[in-house]
Amino acid sequence: MSVRVDLHCHLLPALDDGPRTDEETLALARALVADGVGTVAATPHRTVRFATPLHELTARFDALQRLLAAHEVPLQVLTGSEVAVDALLDMPETELQALRLGGTGPLLVELPQREVGGDPTWIVHDLLKRGVPVLLAHPERIPFFQADYASLRALVDAGAHAQVTAGAFTGRYGRTAQQAALDMLDGGLVDVIASDAHHADLRPPELESARRWLAEHRPSAAFDDLAVHTPAVLIPRPAPTL
């Protein structure tokens, strides 16, 4: 099994709907390693509800590094957050830049996972015009993109990158998300396959499961190129603090 890079994972404990304790975080970290992951971005939700201050994120990230080292879990961890578009509306520039993956990579942006009025992609287009690189979180699970692949293509053409969740291919998120993931992959709209794992058991990494599923059902799918050899432009240099 090749060593994989996972750019979307909820590894930090007690910050969002991911692990609640250090023990659950260790279980998830070990599941990532078992799934072939060597480098992972810890990306807790940054929303109006989950508005963890930067200084606390820094402290939690440092504590995670110590926890993994103490338990000899061979996992390199990058900083970051999964930032909801509504949280971007009044976010200071310094905070926005600090939340980029590894401090130097793209900003992982999540559009609403519900039906919305209007076009929510204007915020992403604005980020791109300002020179902020963007990695779109799980577009296959976003109703706006499920109904309008052209809007996703417009963002990709403008310079955004798209990340599909491994479990979407195996059907974990339902048939609509599965079909959207396959359509986006076949259409050349996907740059990254990541775990979006939240727990070792309830929402596990599933990268190897997705590889096996695609090998059987889509033998021409470029899984290794997307989940193993993540495009170099998207892999940030590790930053010590947020």
C-alpha atoms as a PDB file:
ATOM      1  CA  MET A   1       0.000   0.000   0.000  1.00  0.00           C
ATOM      2  CA  SER A   2       1.413   3.401  -0.992  1.00  0.00           C
ATOM      3  CA  VAL A   3       1.628   6.196   1.567  1.00  0.00           C
ATOM      4  CA  ARG A   4      -1.278   8.569   1.156  1.00  0.00           C
ATOM      5  CA  VAL A   5      -1.871  12.244   1.842  1.00  0.00           C
ATOM      6  CA  ASP A   6      -5.252  13.047   3.432  1.00  0.00           C
ATOM      7  CA  LEU A   7      -6.146  16.733   3.167  1.00  0.00           C
ATOM      8  CA  HIS A   8      -9.488  16.612   4.995  1.00  0.00           C
ATOM      9  CA  CYS A   9      -9.911  14.946   8.391  1.00  0.00           C
ATOM     10  CA  HIS A  10     -11.516  15.882  11.705  1.00  0.00           C
ATOM     11  CA  LEU A  11      -8.740  14.652  13.968  1.00  0.00           C
ATOM     12  CA  LEU A  12      -8.612  17.261  16.733  1.00  0.00           C
ATOM     13  CA  PRO A  13     -10.674  16.188  19.762  1.00  0.00           C
ATOM     14  CA  ALA A  14     -13.592  18.039  21.379  1.00  0.00           C
ATOM     15  CA  LEU A  15     -13.816  20.842  18.797  1.00  0.00           C
ATOM     16  CA  ASP A  16     -16.650  19.813  16.483  1.00  0.00           C
ATOM     17  CA  ASP A  17     -18.513  16.620  15.551  1.00  0.00           C
ATOM     18  CA  GLY A  18     -15.300  14.607  15.387  1.00  0.00           C
ATOM     19  CA  PRO A  19     -13.550  12.743  18.225  1.00  0.00           C
ATOM     20  CA  ARG A  20     -14.581  13.767  21.713  1.00  0.00           C
ATOM     21  CA  THR A  21     -11.567  12.507  23.651  1.00  0.00           C
ATOM     22  CA  ASP A  22      -7.846  11.883  23.233  1.00  0.00           C
ATOM     23  CA  GLU A  23      -8.588   8.168  23.154  1.00  0.00           C
ATOM     24  CA  GLU A  24     -10.990   8.594  20.220  1.00  0.00           C
ATOM     25  CA  THR A  25      -8.425  10.773  18.447  1.00  0.00           C
ATOM     26  CA  LEU A  26      -5.754   8.105  18.892  1.00  0.00           C
ATOM     27  CA  ALA A  27      -8.129   5.475  17.529  1.00  0.00           C
ATOM     28  CA  LEU A  28      -8.806   7.632  14.460  1.00  0.00           C
ATOM     29  CA  ALA A  29      -5.098   8.384  13.984  1.00  0.00           C
ATOM     30  CA  ARG A  30      -4.289   4.670  14.075  1.00  0.00           C
ATOM     31  CA  ALA A  31      -7.117   3.973  11.618  1.00  0.00           C
ATOM     32  CA  LEU A  32      -5.613   6.545   9.257  1.00  0.00           C
ATOM     33  CA  VAL A  33      -2.195   4.896   9.473  1.00  0.00           C
ATOM     34  CA  ALA A  34      -3.782   1.480   8.886  1.00  0.00           C
ATOM     35  CA  ASP A  35      -5.494   2.982   5.829  1.00  0.00           C
ATOM     36  CA  GLY A  36      -2.137   3.985   4.392  1.00  0.00           C
ATOM     37  CA  VAL A  37      -2.101   7.661   5.387  1.00  0.00           C
ATOM     38  CA  GLY A  38       1.284   9.182   6.194  1.00  0.00           C
ATOM     39  CA  THR A  39       0.324  12.873   6.192  1.00  0.00           C
ATOM     40  CA  VAL A  40      -3.033  14.274   7.269  1.00  0.00           C
ATOM     41  CA  ALA A  41      -4.480  17.755   7.561  1.00  0.00           C
ATOM     42  CA  ALA A  42      -6.403  18.210  10.808  1.00  0.00           C
ATOM     43  CA  THR A  43      -9.361  20.275   9.597  1.00  0.00           C
ATOM     44  CA  PRO A  44     -11.956  21.003  12.289  1.00  0.00           C
ATOM     45  CA  HIS A  45     -15.095  22.825  11.206  1.00  0.00           C
ATOM     46  CA  ARG A  46     -14.925  26.613  11.237  1.00  0.00           C
ATOM     47  CA  THR A  47     -18.519  27.799  11.189  1.00  0.00           C
ATOM     48  CA  VAL A  48     -20.660  30.318  13.019  1.00  0.00           C
ATOM     49  CA  ARG A  49     -21.430  27.493  15.472  1.00  0.00           C
ATOM     50  CA  PHE A  50     -17.882  26.119  15.686  1.00  0.00           C
ATOM     51  CA  ALA A  51     -15.902  29.357  15.973  1.00  0.00           C
ATOM     52  CA  THR A  52     -12.799  28.138  17.778  1.00  0.00           C
ATOM     53  CA  PRO A  53     -10.320  31.010  18.310  1.00  0.00           C
ATOM     54  CA  LEU A  54      -6.951  30.705  16.595  1.00  0.00           C
ATOM     55  CA  HIS A  55      -5.022  30.575  19.855  1.00  0.00           C
ATOM     56  CA  GLU A  56      -7.089  27.588  20.975  1.00  0.00           C
ATOM     57  CA  LEU A  57      -6.596  25.835  17.638  1.00  0.00           C
ATOM     58  CA  THR A  58      -2.862  26.349  18.035  1.00  0.00           C
ATOM     59  CA  ALA A  59      -2.917  24.878  21.541  1.00  0.00           C
ATOM     60  CA  ARG A  60      -5.029  21.901  20.416  1.00  0.00           C
ATOM     61  CA  PHE A  61      -2.764  21.239  17.450  1.00  0.00           C
ATOM     62  CA  ASP A  62       0.352  21.316  19.629  1.00  0.00           C
ATOM     63  CA  ALA A  63      -1.331  18.964  22.107  1.00  0.00           C
ATOM     64  CA  LEU A  64      -2.201  16.596  19.241  1.00  0.00           C
ATOM     65  CA  GLN A  65       1.414  16.520  18.109  1.00  0.00           C
ATOM     66  CA  ARG A  66       2.523  15.617  21.633  1.00  0.00           C
ATOM     67  CA  LEU A  67      -0.204  12.973  21.934  1.00  0.00           C
ATOM     68  CA  LEU A  68       0.791  11.235  18.701  1.00  0.00           C
ATOM     69  CA  ALA A  69       4.477  11.363  19.602  1.00  0.00           C
ATOM     70  CA  ALA A  70       3.853   9.967  23.085  1.00  0.00           C
ATOM     71  CA  HIS A  71       1.952   7.021  21.630  1.00  0.00           C
ATOM     72  CA  GLU A  72       4.352   6.567  18.696  1.00  0.00           C
ATOM     73  CA  VAL A  73       1.725   7.036  15.988  1.00  0.00           C
ATOM     74  CA  PRO A  74       3.673   7.633  12.730  1.00  0.00           C
ATOM     75  CA  LEU A  75       1.512  10.398  11.306  1.00  0.00           C
ATOM     76  CA  GLN A  76       2.585  13.829  10.078  1.00  0.00           C
ATOM     77  CA  VAL A  77      -0.154  16.368  10.796  1.00  0.00           C
ATOM     78  CA  LEU A  78      -0.784  19.670   9.030  1.00  0.00           C
ATOM     79  CA  THR A  79      -2.850  22.522  10.426  1.00  0.00           C
ATOM     80  CA  GLY A  80      -6.025  23.802   8.822  1.00  0.00           C
ATOM     81  CA  SER A  81      -9.803  24.038   9.050  1.00  0.00           C
ATOM     82  CA  GLU A  82     -12.866  23.234   6.995  1.00  0.00           C
ATOM     83  CA  VAL A  83     -14.276  26.725   6.599  1.00  0.00           C
ATOM     84  CA  ALA A  84     -17.968  27.240   5.886  1.00  0.00           C
ATOM     85  CA  VAL A  85     -18.793  30.036   3.451  1.00  0.00           C
ATOM     86  CA  ASP A  86     -20.964  31.842   6.012  1.00  0.00           C
ATOM     87  CA  ALA A  87     -17.964  32.061   8.345  1.00  0.00           C
ATOM     88  CA  LEU A  88     -15.999  33.776   5.571  1.00  0.00           C
ATOM     89  CA  LEU A  89     -18.332  36.744   5.319  1.00  0.00           C
ATOM     90  CA  ASP A  90     -16.753  38.703   8.179  1.00  0.00           C
ATOM     91  CA  MET A  91     -13.531  36.756   8.739  1.00  0.00           C
ATOM     92  CA  PRO A  92     -10.393  38.899   9.171  1.00  0.00           C
ATOM     93  CA  GLU A  93      -7.783  38.372   6.481  1.00  0.00           C
ATOM     94  CA  THR A  94      -5.166  37.283   9.005  1.00  0.00           C
ATOM     95  CA  GLU A  95      -7.441  34.509  10.279  1.00  0.00           C
ATOM     96  CA  LEU A  96      -8.361  33.403   6.771  1.00  0.00           C
ATOM     97  CA  GLN A  97      -4.705  33.075   5.825  1.00  0.00           C
ATOM     98  CA  ALA A  98      -3.885  31.230   9.055  1.00  0.00           C
ATOM     99  CA  LEU A  99      -6.571  28.616   8.376  1.00  0.00           C
ATOM    100  CA  ARG A 100      -5.086  27.564   5.030  1.00  0.00           C
ATOM    101  CA  LEU A 101      -3.844  23.974   5.032  1.00  0.00           C
ATOM    102  CA  GLY A 102      -0.432  23.911   6.644  1.00  0.00           C
ATOM    103  CA  GLY A 103      -0.537  27.702   6.683  1.00  0.00           C
ATOM    104  CA  THR A 104       0.661  27.835   3.067  1.00  0.00           C
ATOM    105  CA  GLY A 105      -1.699  25.535   1.152  1.00  0.00           C
ATOM    106  CA  PRO A 106      -5.260  26.044  -0.065  1.00  0.00           C
ATOM    107  CA  LEU A 107      -8.201  27.070   2.086  1.00  0.00           C
ATOM    108  CA  LEU A 108     -10.584  24.121   2.517  1.00  0.00           C
ATOM    109  CA  VAL A 109     -14.021  25.648   1.870  1.00  0.00           C
ATOM    110  CA  GLU A 110     -17.393  24.027   2.483  1.00  0.00           C
ATOM    111  CA  LEU A 111     -20.548  25.218   0.748  1.00  0.00           C
ATOM    112  CA  PRO A 112     -23.942  24.602   2.409  1.00  0.00           C
ATOM    113  CA  GLN A 113     -25.083  20.982   2.642  1.00  0.00           C
ATOM    114  CA  ARG A 114     -28.682  22.118   2.236  1.00  0.00           C
ATOM    115  CA  GLU A 115     -30.784  23.767  -0.442  1.00  0.00           C
ATOM    116  CA  VAL A 116     -30.087  27.505  -0.625  1.00  0.00           C
ATOM    117  CA  GLY A 117     -31.514  30.414  -2.542  1.00  0.00           C
ATOM    118  CA  GLY A 118     -29.192  32.092  -4.992  1.00  0.00           C
ATOM    119  CA  ASP A 119     -25.685  31.140  -6.018  1.00  0.00           C
ATOM    120  CA  PRO A 120     -23.342  30.531  -3.028  1.00  0.00           C
ATOM    121  CA  THR A 121     -20.270  30.140  -5.238  1.00  0.00           C
ATOM    122  CA  TRP A 122     -19.721  33.908  -5.493  1.00  0.00           C
ATOM    123  CA  ILE A 123     -17.750  33.772  -2.246  1.00  0.00           C
ATOM    124  CA  VAL A 124     -15.358  31.209  -3.716  1.00  0.00           C
ATOM    125  CA  HIS A 125     -14.948  33.228  -6.898  1.00  0.00           C
ATOM    126  CA  ASP A 126     -14.137  36.245  -4.736  1.00  0.00           C
ATOM    127  CA  LEU A 127     -11.463  34.279  -2.848  1.00  0.00           C
ATOM    128  CA  LEU A 128      -9.881  33.165  -6.113  1.00  0.00           C
ATOM    129  CA  LYS A 129      -9.852  36.725  -7.477  1.00  0.00           C
ATOM    130  CA  ARG A 130      -8.075  37.798  -4.282  1.00  0.00           C
ATOM    131  CA  GLY A 131      -5.414  35.164  -4.853  1.00  0.00           C
ATOM    132  CA  VAL A 132      -6.535  32.736  -2.139  1.00  0.00           C
ATOM    133  CA  PRO A 133      -6.162  29.123  -3.342  1.00  0.00           C
ATOM    134  CA  VAL A 134      -9.282  27.055  -2.642  1.00  0.00           C
ATOM    135  CA  LEU A 135      -9.928  23.342  -2.133  1.00  0.00           C
ATOM    136  CA  LEU A 136     -13.673  22.656  -2.279  1.00  0.00           C
ATOM    137  CA  ALA A 137     -14.824  20.191   0.361  1.00  0.00           C
ATOM    138  CA  HIS A 138     -16.938  17.242  -0.878  1.00  0.00           C
ATOM    139  CA  PRO A 139     -18.854  18.894  -3.761  1.00  0.00           C
ATOM    140  CA  GLU A 140     -20.555  15.550  -4.389  1.00  0.00           C
ATOM    141  CA  ARG A 141     -22.515  16.104  -1.151  1.00  0.00           C
ATOM    142  CA  ILE A 142     -23.440  19.735  -1.852  1.00  0.00           C
ATOM    143  CA  PRO A 143     -26.994  20.031  -3.280  1.00  0.00           C
ATOM    144  CA  PHE A 144     -26.073  23.099  -5.349  1.00  0.00           C
ATOM    145  CA  PHE A 145     -23.323  21.165  -7.162  1.00  0.00           C
ATOM    146  CA  GLN A 146     -25.374  17.974  -7.406  1.00  0.00           C
ATOM    147  CA  ALA A 147     -27.944  19.951  -9.383  1.00  0.00           C
ATOM    148  CA  ASP A 148     -25.464  22.003 -11.408  1.00  0.00           C
ATOM    149  CA  TYR A 149     -22.127  20.474 -12.376  1.00  0.00           C
ATOM    150  CA  ALA A 150     -21.480  23.510 -14.593  1.00  0.00           C
ATOM    151  CA  SER A 151     -21.069  25.698 -11.507  1.00  0.00           C
ATOM    152  CA  LEU A 152     -18.407  23.346 -10.181  1.00  0.00           C
ATOM    153  CA  ARG A 153     -16.652  23.341 -13.554  1.00  0.00           C
ATOM    154  CA  ALA A 154     -16.705  27.149 -13.579  1.00  0.00           C
ATOM    155  CA  LEU A 155     -14.918  27.197 -10.221  1.00  0.00           C
ATOM    156  CA  VAL A 156     -12.376  24.608 -11.353  1.00  0.00           C
ATOM    157  CA  ASP A 157     -11.784  26.594 -14.537  1.00  0.00           C
ATOM    158  CA  ALA A 158     -11.245  29.676 -12.350  1.00  0.00           C
ATOM    159  CA  GLY A 159      -8.526  27.881 -10.390  1.00  0.00           C
ATOM    160  CA  ALA A 160     -10.307  26.087  -7.559  1.00  0.00           C
ATOM    161  CA  HIS A 161      -9.631  22.435  -6.762  1.00  0.00           C
ATOM    162  CA  ALA A 162     -12.220  19.850  -5.731  1.00  0.00           C
ATOM    163  CA  GLN A 163     -11.990  17.170  -3.037  1.00  0.00           C
ATOM    164  CA  VAL A 164     -14.318  14.171  -3.127  1.00  0.00           C
ATOM    165  CA  THR A 165     -14.790  12.020  -0.036  1.00  0.00           C
ATOM    166  CA  ALA A 166     -13.631   8.411  -0.265  1.00  0.00           C
ATOM    167  CA  GLY A 167     -16.806   7.079   1.351  1.00  0.00           C
ATOM    168  CA  ALA A 168     -18.960   8.691  -1.325  1.00  0.00           C
ATOM    169  CA  PHE A 169     -17.749   6.127  -3.862  1.00  0.00           C
ATOM    170  CA  THR A 170     -18.736   3.180  -1.677  1.00  0.00           C
ATOM    171  CA  GLY A 171     -22.218   4.606  -1.075  1.00  0.00           C
ATOM    172  CA  ARG A 172     -21.812   5.717   2.537  1.00  0.00           C
ATOM    173  CA  TYR A 173     -23.546   9.033   1.801  1.00  0.00           C
ATOM    174  CA  GLY A 174     -26.297   7.667  -0.412  1.00  0.00           C
ATOM    175  CA  ARG A 175     -26.870   7.095  -4.106  1.00  0.00           C
ATOM    176  CA  THR A 176     -27.125  10.750  -5.085  1.00  0.00           C
ATOM    177  CA  ALA A 177     -23.713  11.581  -3.617  1.00  0.00           C
ATOM    178  CA  GLN A 178     -22.245   8.380  -5.050  1.00  0.00           C
ATOM    179  CA  GLN A 179     -23.432   9.174  -8.558  1.00  0.00           C
ATOM    180  CA  ALA A 180     -22.271  12.777  -8.268  1.00  0.00           C
ATOM    181  CA  ALA A 181     -18.828  11.626  -7.108  1.00  0.00           C
ATOM    182  CA  LEU A 182     -18.547   9.275 -10.087  1.00  0.00           C
ATOM    183  CA  ASP A 183     -19.794  11.907 -12.543  1.00  0.00           C
ATOM    184  CA  MET A 184     -17.337  14.474 -11.168  1.00  0.00           C
ATOM    185  CA  LEU A 185     -14.492  11.977 -11.327  1.00  0.00           C
ATOM    186  CA  ASP A 186     -15.362  10.917 -14.879  1.00  0.00           C
ATOM    187  CA  GLY A 187     -15.695  14.580 -15.849  1.00  0.00           C
ATOM    188  CA  GLY A 188     -12.197  15.449 -14.708  1.00  0.00           C
ATOM    189  CA  LEU A 189     -13.451  17.753 -11.959  1.00  0.00           C
ATOM    190  CA  VAL A 190     -11.776  16.005  -9.024  1.00  0.00           C
ATOM    191  CA  ASP A 191      -8.247  16.825  -7.842  1.00  0.00           C
ATOM    192  CA  VAL A 192      -8.208  15.105  -4.441  1.00  0.00           C
ATOM    193  CA  ILE A 193      -9.800  12.113  -2.731  1.00  0.00           C
ATOM    194  CA  ALA A 194      -9.730  12.548   1.036  1.00  0.00           C
ATOM    195  CA  SER A 195     -11.256  10.777   4.006  1.00  0.00           C
ATOM    196  CA  ASP A 196     -13.285  13.504   5.766  1.00  0.00           C
ATOM    197  CA  ALA A 197     -13.024  10.998   8.617  1.00  0.00           C
ATOM    198  CA  HIS A 198     -14.577  11.945  11.952  1.00  0.00           C
ATOM    199  CA  HIS A 199     -14.153   8.735  13.957  1.00  0.00           C
ATOM    200  CA  ALA A 200     -12.406   5.389  13.749  1.00  0.00           C
ATOM    201  CA  ASP A 201     -15.714   3.542  13.444  1.00  0.00           C
ATOM    202  CA  LEU A 202     -18.716   5.822  12.789  1.00  0.00           C
ATOM    203  CA  ARG A 203     -17.070   7.766   9.953  1.00  0.00           C
ATOM    204  CA  PRO A 204     -13.766   6.012   9.266  1.00  0.00           C
ATOM    205  CA  PRO A 205     -11.129   6.913   6.639  1.00  0.00           C
ATOM    206  CA  GLU A 206     -12.206   4.382   3.943  1.00  0.00           C
ATOM    207  CA  LEU A 207      -9.500   5.326   1.440  1.00  0.00           C
ATOM    208  CA  GLU A 208      -8.531   1.703   0.826  1.00  0.00           C
ATOM    209  CA  SER A 209     -12.192   0.669   0.625  1.00  0.00           C
ATOM    210  CA  ALA A 210     -12.775   3.347  -2.016  1.00  0.00           C
ATOM    211  CA  ARG A 211      -9.722   2.179  -3.953  1.00  0.00           C
ATOM    212  CA  ARG A 212     -11.017  -1.402  -3.989  1.00  0.00           C
ATOM    213  CA  TRP A 213     -14.544  -0.287  -4.949  1.00  0.00           C
ATOM    214  CA  LEU A 214     -13.279   1.816  -7.827  1.00  0.00           C
ATOM    215  CA  ALA A 215     -10.927  -0.956  -8.977  1.00  0.00           C
ATOM    216  CA  GLU A 216     -13.974  -3.202  -9.359  1.00  0.00           C
ATOM    217  CA  HIS A 217     -16.516  -0.713 -10.698  1.00  0.00           C
ATOM    218  CA  ARG A 218     -14.354   1.970 -12.377  1.00  0.00           C
ATOM    219  CA  PRO A 219     -11.038   0.281 -13.231  1.00  0.00           C
ATOM    220  CA  SER A 220      -9.914   3.335 -15.219  1.00  0.00           C
ATOM    221  CA  ALA A 221     -10.447   5.736 -12.289  1.00  0.00           C
ATOM    222  CA  ALA A 222      -7.249   7.489 -11.213  1.00  0.00           C
ATOM    223  CA  PHE A 223      -7.579   6.761  -7.507  1.00  0.00           C
ATOM    224  CA  ASP A 224      -3.867   6.554  -6.761  1.00  0.00           C
ATOM    225  CA  ASP A 225      -3.219   9.807  -8.595  1.00  0.00           C
ATOM    226  CA  LEU A 226      -5.807  11.564  -6.429  1.00  0.00           C
ATOM    227  CA  ALA A 227      -5.502   9.907  -3.012  1.00  0.00           C
ATOM    228  CA  VAL A 228      -1.829   8.924  -3.055  1.00  0.00           C
ATOM    229  CA  HIS A 229      -0.067  11.321  -5.371  1.00  0.00           C
ATOM    230  CA  THR A 230      -2.032  14.409  -4.375  1.00  0.00           C
ATOM    231  CA  PRO A 231      -1.157  17.275  -6.752  1.00  0.00           C
ATOM    232  CA  ALA A 232       1.986  18.972  -5.444  1.00  0.00           C
ATOM    233  CA  VAL A 233       0.400  22.401  -5.661  1.00  0.00           C
ATOM    234  CA  LEU A 234      -2.073  21.345  -2.962  1.00  0.00           C
ATOM    235  CA  ILE A 235       0.422  19.916  -0.473  1.00  0.00           C
ATOM    236  CA  PRO A 236       1.572  22.723   1.812  1.00  0.00           C
ATOM    237  CA  ARG A 237       4.813  23.018   3.680  1.00  0.00           C
ATOM    238  CA  PRO A 238       4.122  22.138   7.343  1.00  0.00           C
ATOM    239  CA  ALA A 239       3.639  25.213   9.504  1.00  0.00           C
ATOM    240  CA  PRO A 240       4.302  25.019  13.259  1.00  0.00           C
ATOM    241  CA  THR A 241       1.401  27.239  14.319  1.00  0.00           C
ATOM    242  CA  LEU A 242      -1.947  28.478  13.133  1.00  0.00           C
END
